[in-house]
Amino acid sequence: MDQHPLIVANWKMNKTIADAVLDFEMIKNGLENIDDIKAVICPSYVWLAPLAEIAKTHSVRQLALGAQNVSNEEKGAFTGEVSAQMLKNLVEYCIVGHSEQVAHFGESPEQTRAKVNLLLKNQITPIACVGENVKSDNSIFEVINIAKQILKDLAAPQRRAVILCYEPVWAISSNPNAQPATGGYAGKVARALSKEFPATKILYGGSVDSKNIREFTVQDSIGGALVGSASLDPKEFLEILRNA
C-alpha cells in the first residue's frame, strides 16, 4: 500500500470549463514543488476529457484524475449514465457510494458494490465512501457493516485494491447540524476499518480544510482525505496538500 497521503478533490457540480482548466493548471504547477503526496482531481464528467489532455502534457507524477461517480451497469439502455469502460482511459480513480448519492439518489451498498466490481474490472481504483448519518455508540459497527456489504465476496487482493473513505454525514459542513469530527475520533474509526480490512488505504472525508488536515493525516490509520468545498479554491487546495 502506498504510504504517501492521497488527497482527493471532489469538485462536485461546480466550475465552468474555463475555471476547471485554469484551476487544474494551477494545481498541476503548484504540485511540482510538493513531494511525497498524491493529489486526485475529480471534476464533473464533462470536464474529464479536456483535463486528461492537459494532464498528458508536462505530466506531474503526483497528480491524477478521478470521476465523481459511475454507473452500476456495464452497458445498455441507461440514458444519462456513464460506464466504467467509458472512464477507463480517462481516470485512475472513481468515487462511489458518496453520501450525496446515497441521500439524493438512494444508492444502496449493493449498487456501490456493483460499481466497485466494474471499476476493478476496468483497472480503475474505487474510492468507496462509508459513514453514518448520526454519531452514536454503534457508529463504528454501522460503518464496518456498510463496508462489509460493499466489499462482500471480493478476494483479499481485490479488497486491497479498493480505497475506503470514512465519511461521517454528521460532520459534513453542508449538513445544517454539522458537528466537526476530531482527528482522534476519525482515527479510531479508521483503525477499526483497518483491522477489519488489512492493507486497505483509509481516507477521511468530512469538512477537511488547510487548517485541520494535519489533525487527520497524523493519525497512523488515515492515509489521506476526500476534500469537498475547500478543494474548489486551488490556492486553498494546494495549502491542504502542503500541510498534509
Foldseek 3Di string as FASTA:
>chain_A
DQQFFEEEEDADADDDLVLVVVLLVLLQVLCVPFPRHAYEYEYAPVNQVVSQVVCVPVHDPRYWYEYAEAFLDQDDDDPPGHHLLNCLVRGQEYEFQPPCCCVVVVDALQSLLSRLVRNVVSNHEYAYEFFEADDDPCGLVRRLVSVCSSCPPPDLVSLLSYAYEYEYNLQAPVPPNHDHDFLVVVLVSLVSNCVVRPNHAYAYEGADWLVRLCRNCVRSSHRYYYYYPLVSDSVRVSSSSNSD
